[in-house]
Protein backbone atom coordinates (compact mmCIF):
# COMPACT_ATOMS: atom_id res chain seq x y z
CA MET A 1 35.46 -75.99 62.87
CA PHE A 2 35.55 -73.02 59.17
CA LYS A 3 32.65 -71.99 56.27
CA GLU A 4 33.02 -73.24 53.17
CA ILE A 5 31.27 -72.20 50.13
CA PHE A 6 30.38 -75.02 46.98
CA PRO A 7 32.15 -73.57 44.16
CA GLU A 8 29.20 -72.92 42.44
CA GLU A 9 28.12 -70.85 44.59
CA LEU A 10 31.02 -68.70 43.92
CA ARG A 11 30.90 -68.69 40.11
CA GLN A 12 27.02 -67.44 40.69
CA LYS A 13 28.98 -64.17 43.78
CA LEU A 14 31.55 -63.78 40.63
CA GLU A 15 28.74 -63.52 38.49
CA ASN A 16 26.87 -60.90 39.90
CA GLY A 17 29.88 -59.00 40.48
CA GLU A 18 30.13 -59.23 44.07
CA LYS A 19 33.88 -58.22 45.43
CA LEU A 20 36.16 -61.32 47.41
CA GLU A 21 38.97 -62.15 48.45
CA LEU A 22 39.48 -64.97 46.92
CA ILE A 23 43.37 -66.43 47.44
CA ASP A 24 44.48 -69.28 45.32
CA VAL A 25 47.21 -71.80 47.43
CA ARG A 26 48.04 -74.06 44.43
CA GLU A 27 52.00 -74.19 43.67
CA GLU A 28 52.86 -72.40 39.65
CA ASP A 29 51.97 -75.48 37.01
CA GLU A 30 48.53 -75.69 38.85
CA VAL A 31 47.24 -71.74 38.55
CA GLU A 32 48.98 -71.84 34.92
CA GLU A 33 46.43 -74.61 34.29
CA GLY A 34 43.86 -71.80 35.09
CA MET A 35 42.87 -69.83 38.11
CA ILE A 36 39.67 -68.08 38.84
CA PRO A 37 40.60 -64.51 37.55
CA GLU A 38 39.35 -62.24 40.22
CA ALA A 39 41.91 -64.70 42.64
CA LYS A 40 45.52 -64.10 43.76
CA HIS A 41 47.65 -66.77 43.79
CA ILE A 42 49.80 -67.22 47.15
CA ARG A 43 51.26 -70.79 47.69
CA MET A 44 50.32 -72.70 49.93
CA SER A 45 54.20 -72.81 51.34
CA GLU A 46 54.26 -69.32 51.55
CA ILE A 47 51.21 -68.36 53.45
CA PRO A 48 53.19 -67.85 57.09
CA GLU A 49 55.17 -65.57 55.80
CA ARG A 50 52.89 -63.69 53.63
CA LEU A 51 50.61 -62.75 56.15
CA ASP A 52 50.88 -59.41 56.04
CA GLU A 53 48.98 -59.39 52.58
CA LEU A 54 45.20 -60.77 54.61
CA ASP A 55 43.17 -58.72 55.72
CA LYS A 56 42.01 -60.41 59.25
CA ASP A 57 39.10 -59.04 59.24
CA LYS A 58 37.77 -59.68 55.76
CA GLU A 59 36.62 -62.13 54.39
CA THR A 60 38.83 -64.30 52.51
CA ILE A 61 37.64 -67.56 50.71
CA PHE A 62 40.60 -69.94 49.70
CA ILE A 63 41.21 -72.15 46.82
CA CYS A 64 43.36 -75.56 45.88
CA ARG A 65 43.00 -78.25 43.44
CA SER A 66 40.75 -80.61 45.97
CA GLY A 67 39.22 -78.31 48.67
CA GLY A 68 42.11 -80.40 51.02
CA ARG A 69 45.62 -77.88 51.34
CA SER A 70 42.96 -74.81 51.10
CA GLY A 71 40.76 -76.35 54.29
CA ASN A 72 44.59 -76.93 56.28
CA VAL A 73 45.66 -73.12 55.72
CA CYS A 74 41.81 -72.28 56.40
CA ALA A 75 42.48 -74.02 60.02
CA TYR A 76 46.68 -72.44 60.25
CA LEU A 77 44.30 -68.98 59.96
CA GLN A 78 41.66 -68.92 61.47
CA ASP A 79 44.00 -70.14 64.86
CA LYS A 80 45.28 -67.14 64.25
CA GLY A 81 41.63 -64.97 63.96
CA TYR A 82 41.35 -65.12 60.38
CA ASN A 83 38.06 -64.63 58.58
CA VAL A 84 38.25 -67.54 56.56
CA VAL A 85 36.59 -70.29 53.76
CA ASN A 86 37.20 -72.66 51.85
CA MET A 87 36.19 -73.53 48.53
CA THR A 88 34.99 -77.19 48.70
CA GLY A 89 35.83 -79.85 45.77
CA GLY A 90 38.55 -76.95 44.61
CA MET A 91 39.61 -76.03 41.09
CA LEU A 92 38.21 -79.65 40.16
CA ALA A 93 34.46 -78.50 41.04
CA TYR A 94 34.95 -75.23 39.55
CA ASN A 95 33.04 -75.00 36.31
CA GLY A 96 33.39 -71.18 36.31
CA GLU A 97 35.82 -68.63 33.99
CA THR A 98 39.58 -69.52 34.62
CA LYS A 99 42.71 -68.30 33.01
CA PRO A 100 46.37 -68.96 33.00
CA LYS A 101 47.84 -67.15 35.87
CA SER A 102 50.36 -65.53 33.33
CA ALA A 103 47.16 -64.53 31.57
CA ILE A 104 45.66 -62.38 34.68
């Protein structure tokens, strides 16, 4: 089983200035509605072909709408030896600052 982080805990870390690796795996139209400004957008379907953009040794937090898709990505990457964390509840539960992807 992979590690999990609650949205409130993530928001606190960001507000405290912690440098975190965040990947938002939602679709384009979803991130336009708002994503965490510090996050990088890599759609779930693109993860296998973009593994070279991920640091195996660095803890990376994955985010989606409700935590399901990011959980699937975490399971997939953990099997490949990546250090992954899933944000439980996803963006539906996140109440920190968000911006449309086009504004980031």
